[in-house]
């Protein structure tokens, strides 16, 4: 966990409080029918949860094929070691 200085914590708390004030002022300024629909949409989105992770590509698979003439070099072969007799 990161340690933050006291002024930074106070600043973050003040920012959070200001955001809550702005949100409450916005919800009061919106007509009740629209606010209710918005709240229902938010609930549905939260109930749906995060999107599933896209499948991983196989290791070493490039997202696009290389341009002609720019193919990757083949891997170097391991040098032969001399056998000790």
N, C-alpha and C. Protein backbone atom coordinates (compact mmCIF):
# COMPACT_ATOMS: atom_id res chain seq x y z
N UNK A 1 0.85 -1.17 0.00
CA UNK A 1 0.00 0.00 0.00
C UNK A 1 0.90 1.24 0.00
N UNK A 2 0.53 2.21 -0.81
CA UNK A 2 1.33 3.41 -0.92
C UNK A 2 1.02 4.35 0.24
N UNK A 3 2.05 4.97 0.72
CA UNK A 3 1.85 5.99 1.76
C UNK A 3 1.76 7.35 1.08
N UNK A 4 0.79 8.11 1.50
CA UNK A 4 0.63 9.46 0.96
C UNK A 4 0.73 10.44 2.11
N UNK A 5 1.22 11.61 1.79
CA UNK A 5 1.38 12.63 2.83
C UNK A 5 0.00 13.12 3.28
N UNK A 6 -0.03 13.71 4.46
CA UNK A 6 -1.30 14.21 5.01
C UNK A 6 -1.94 15.25 4.08
N UNK A 7 -1.18 16.23 3.56
CA UNK A 7 -1.84 17.19 2.64
C UNK A 7 -2.42 16.51 1.40
N UNK A 8 -1.73 15.48 0.90
CA UNK A 8 -2.24 14.79 -0.27
C UNK A 8 -3.54 14.03 0.06
N UNK A 9 -3.58 13.40 1.23
CA UNK A 9 -4.80 12.70 1.64
C UNK A 9 -5.95 13.69 1.81
N UNK A 10 -5.66 14.84 2.40
CA UNK A 10 -6.70 15.85 2.58
C UNK A 10 -7.18 16.38 1.23
N UNK A 11 -6.25 16.57 0.31
CA UNK A 11 -6.63 17.05 -1.02
C UNK A 11 -7.51 16.02 -1.73
N UNK A 12 -7.15 14.74 -1.62
CA UNK A 12 -7.95 13.69 -2.25
C UNK A 12 -9.35 13.65 -1.63
N UNK A 13 -9.44 13.78 -0.32
CA UNK A 13 -10.74 13.77 0.35
C UNK A 13 -11.58 14.96 -0.10
N UNK A 14 -10.95 16.14 -0.23
CA UNK A 14 -11.66 17.33 -0.68
C UNK A 14 -12.15 17.15 -2.12
N UNK A 15 -11.32 16.55 -2.96
CA UNK A 15 -11.72 16.32 -4.35
C UNK A 15 -12.90 15.35 -4.41
N UNK A 16 -12.86 14.31 -3.60
CA UNK A 16 -13.96 13.34 -3.58
C UNK A 16 -15.25 14.00 -3.11
N UNK A 17 -15.15 14.83 -2.11
CA UNK A 17 -16.34 15.54 -1.61
C UNK A 17 -16.89 16.47 -2.69
N UNK A 18 -16.02 17.16 -3.40
CA UNK A 18 -16.45 18.07 -4.47
C UNK A 18 -17.14 17.28 -5.59
N UNK A 19 -16.62 16.11 -5.91
CA UNK A 19 -17.25 15.28 -6.94
C UNK A 19 -18.65 14.87 -6.50
N UNK A 20 -18.79 14.50 -5.22
CA UNK A 20 -20.11 14.13 -4.71
C UNK A 20 -21.08 15.31 -4.79
N UNK A 21 -20.60 16.52 -4.48
CA UNK A 21 -21.45 17.71 -4.58
C UNK A 21 -21.91 17.94 -6.02
N UNK A 22 -20.97 17.81 -6.96
CA UNK A 22 -21.30 18.02 -8.38
C UNK A 22 -22.30 16.98 -8.85
N UNK A 23 -22.08 15.70 -8.45
CA UNK A 23 -23.02 14.65 -8.86
C UNK A 23 -24.41 14.89 -8.30
N UNK A 24 -24.50 15.28 -7.03
CA UNK A 24 -25.82 15.52 -6.45
C UNK A 24 -26.49 16.71 -7.12
N UNK A 25 -25.74 17.77 -7.44
CA UNK A 25 -26.33 18.92 -8.13
C UNK A 25 -26.82 18.52 -9.52
N UNK A 26 -26.07 17.65 -10.18
CA UNK A 26 -26.47 17.22 -11.52
C UNK A 26 -27.75 16.39 -11.45
N UNK A 27 -27.81 15.46 -10.48
CA UNK A 27 -29.01 14.63 -10.39
C UNK A 27 -30.24 15.46 -10.04
N UNK A 28 -30.07 16.53 -9.26
CA UNK A 28 -31.21 17.41 -8.95
C UNK A 28 -31.64 18.21 -10.17
N UNK A 29 -30.71 18.51 -11.09
CA UNK A 29 -31.05 19.32 -12.25
C UNK A 29 -31.70 18.52 -13.38
N UNK A 30 -31.58 17.19 -13.33
CA UNK A 30 -32.15 16.34 -14.37
C UNK A 30 -33.60 16.02 -14.01
N UNK A 31 -34.49 15.99 -15.01
CA UNK A 31 -35.89 15.64 -14.72
C UNK A 31 -35.97 14.24 -14.09
N UNK A 32 -36.94 14.02 -13.18
CA UNK A 32 -37.01 12.75 -12.45
C UNK A 32 -37.11 11.51 -13.34
N UNK A 33 -37.85 11.58 -14.44
CA UNK A 33 -38.00 10.41 -15.32
C UNK A 33 -36.65 10.02 -15.93
N UNK A 34 -35.91 11.02 -16.35
CA UNK A 34 -34.59 10.75 -16.96
C UNK A 34 -33.62 10.24 -15.90
N UNK A 35 -33.67 10.82 -14.71
CA UNK A 35 -32.78 10.38 -13.63
C UNK A 35 -33.08 8.93 -13.26
N UNK A 36 -34.37 8.56 -13.23
CA UNK A 36 -34.73 7.18 -12.90
C UNK A 36 -34.23 6.22 -13.98
N UNK A 37 -34.41 6.60 -15.25
CA UNK A 37 -33.93 5.76 -16.35
C UNK A 37 -32.41 5.61 -16.29
N UNK A 38 -31.72 6.71 -15.99
CA UNK A 38 -30.26 6.68 -15.88
C UNK A 38 -29.83 5.75 -14.75
N UNK A 39 -30.51 5.83 -13.60
CA UNK A 39 -30.17 4.96 -12.48
C UNK A 39 -30.40 3.49 -12.84
N UNK A 40 -31.46 3.20 -13.58
CA UNK A 40 -31.72 1.82 -14.00
C UNK A 40 -30.64 1.34 -14.96
N UNK A 41 -30.21 2.21 -15.88
CA UNK A 41 -29.14 1.85 -16.81
C UNK A 41 -27.83 1.57 -16.07
N UNK A 42 -27.54 2.39 -15.08
CA UNK A 42 -26.31 2.19 -14.29
C UNK A 42 -26.37 0.87 -13.54
N UNK A 43 -27.53 0.57 -12.94
CA UNK A 43 -27.68 -0.69 -12.22
C UNK A 43 -27.50 -1.88 -13.15
N UNK A 44 -28.08 -1.79 -14.35
CA UNK A 44 -27.95 -2.89 -15.31
C UNK A 44 -26.49 -3.08 -15.72
N UNK A 45 -25.79 -1.98 -15.93
CA UNK A 45 -24.38 -2.08 -16.32
C UNK A 45 -23.54 -2.68 -15.19
N UNK A 46 -23.83 -2.30 -13.95
CA UNK A 46 -23.07 -2.85 -12.82
C UNK A 46 -23.39 -4.33 -12.62
N UNK A 47 -24.65 -4.72 -12.84
CA UNK A 47 -25.03 -6.12 -12.69
C UNK A 47 -24.39 -6.97 -13.78
N UNK A 48 -24.22 -6.39 -14.96
CA UNK A 48 -23.61 -7.11 -16.08
C UNK A 48 -22.15 -7.43 -15.79
N UNK A 49 -21.47 -6.55 -15.08
CA UNK A 49 -20.07 -6.79 -14.72
C UNK A 49 -19.12 -6.44 -15.86
N UNK A 50 -17.84 -6.70 -15.64
CA UNK A 50 -16.87 -6.36 -16.68
C UNK A 50 -16.97 -7.30 -17.87
N UNK A 51 -16.51 -6.83 -19.01
CA UNK A 51 -16.50 -7.66 -20.22
C UNK A 51 -15.51 -8.80 -20.04
N UNK A 52 -15.79 -9.96 -20.63
CA UNK A 52 -14.82 -11.05 -20.52
C UNK A 52 -13.53 -10.71 -21.27
N UNK A 53 -12.45 -11.27 -20.79
CA UNK A 53 -11.16 -11.00 -21.39
C UNK A 53 -11.08 -11.60 -22.78
N UNK A 54 -10.54 -10.88 -23.76
CA UNK A 54 -10.40 -11.48 -25.09
C UNK A 54 -9.40 -12.62 -25.03
N UNK A 55 -9.55 -13.61 -25.90
CA UNK A 55 -8.63 -14.75 -25.84
C UNK A 55 -7.21 -14.30 -26.17
N UNK A 56 -6.26 -14.90 -25.46
CA UNK A 56 -4.86 -14.59 -25.72
C UNK A 56 -4.42 -15.22 -27.02
N UNK A 57 -3.52 -14.55 -27.68
CA UNK A 57 -2.97 -15.12 -28.90
C UNK A 57 -1.88 -16.11 -28.50
N UNK A 58 -1.62 -17.05 -29.37
CA UNK A 58 -0.58 -18.03 -29.11
C UNK A 58 0.76 -17.31 -28.97
N UNK A 59 1.66 -17.81 -28.13
CA UNK A 59 2.96 -17.16 -27.96
C UNK A 59 3.70 -17.05 -29.28
N UNK A 60 4.21 -15.87 -29.54
CA UNK A 60 4.98 -15.65 -30.76
C UNK A 60 4.14 -15.30 -31.97
N UNK A 61 2.81 -15.28 -31.83
CA UNK A 61 1.95 -14.95 -32.95
C UNK A 61 1.90 -13.43 -33.10
N UNK A 62 2.15 -12.97 -34.29
CA UNK A 62 2.08 -11.55 -34.54
C UNK A 62 0.64 -11.17 -34.87
N UNK A 63 0.21 -9.98 -34.52
CA UNK A 63 -1.15 -9.59 -34.81
C UNK A 63 -1.42 -9.45 -36.30
N UNK A 64 -0.42 -9.11 -37.07
CA UNK A 64 -0.57 -8.97 -38.52
C UNK A 64 0.60 -9.67 -39.19
N UNK A 65 0.38 -10.21 -40.37
CA UNK A 65 1.53 -10.81 -41.04
C UNK A 65 2.51 -9.72 -41.47
N UNK A 66 3.78 -10.06 -41.56
CA UNK A 66 4.75 -9.05 -41.96
C UNK A 66 4.57 -8.65 -43.43
N UNK A 67 5.03 -7.47 -43.75
CA UNK A 67 4.96 -7.01 -45.13
C UNK A 67 5.90 -7.85 -45.98
N UNK A 68 5.61 -8.00 -47.25
CA UNK A 68 6.51 -8.78 -48.11
C UNK A 68 7.91 -8.18 -48.10
N UNK A 69 8.89 -9.02 -47.91
CA UNK A 69 10.27 -8.57 -47.86
C UNK A 69 10.71 -8.19 -46.46
N UNK A 70 9.81 -8.22 -45.48
CA UNK A 70 10.16 -7.86 -44.11
C UNK A 70 9.88 -9.01 -43.15
N UNK A 71 9.98 -10.23 -43.64
CA UNK A 71 9.73 -11.38 -42.79
C UNK A 71 10.79 -11.46 -41.71
N UNK A 72 10.44 -11.99 -40.54
CA UNK A 72 11.46 -12.12 -39.50
C UNK A 72 12.51 -13.15 -39.88
N UNK A 73 13.71 -12.91 -39.38
CA UNK A 73 14.80 -13.85 -39.66
C UNK A 73 14.56 -15.16 -38.93
N UNK A 74 14.99 -16.26 -39.53
CA UNK A 74 14.87 -17.53 -38.80
C UNK A 74 15.82 -17.53 -37.62
N UNK A 75 15.48 -18.24 -36.55
CA UNK A 75 16.37 -18.26 -35.38
C UNK A 75 17.69 -18.93 -35.72
N UNK A 76 18.76 -18.42 -35.09
CA UNK A 76 20.09 -19.00 -35.33
C UNK A 76 20.16 -20.37 -34.70
N UNK A 77 20.87 -21.24 -35.39
CA UNK A 77 21.07 -22.57 -34.84
C UNK A 77 22.14 -22.51 -33.76
N UNK A 78 22.00 -23.37 -32.77
CA UNK A 78 22.99 -23.41 -31.70
C UNK A 78 24.32 -23.92 -32.28
N UNK A 79 25.43 -23.30 -31.90
CA UNK A 79 26.73 -23.77 -32.42
C UNK A 79 27.02 -25.18 -31.91
N UNK A 80 27.65 -25.95 -32.77
CA UNK A 80 27.99 -27.31 -32.38
C UNK A 80 29.13 -27.29 -31.36
N UNK A 81 28.98 -28.11 -30.39
CA UNK A 81 30.05 -28.18 -29.39
C UNK A 81 30.96 -29.36 -29.75
N UNK A 82 32.22 -29.18 -29.46
CA UNK A 82 33.17 -30.28 -29.75
C UNK A 82 33.05 -31.33 -28.67
N UNK A 83 33.08 -32.55 -29.11
CA UNK A 83 33.02 -33.62 -28.14
C UNK A 83 34.39 -33.86 -27.56
N UNK A 84 34.44 -34.14 -26.31
CA UNK A 84 35.72 -34.40 -25.66
C UNK A 84 35.95 -35.91 -25.64
N UNK A 85 37.06 -36.32 -26.17
CA UNK A 85 37.35 -37.74 -26.23
C UNK A 85 38.34 -38.14 -25.21
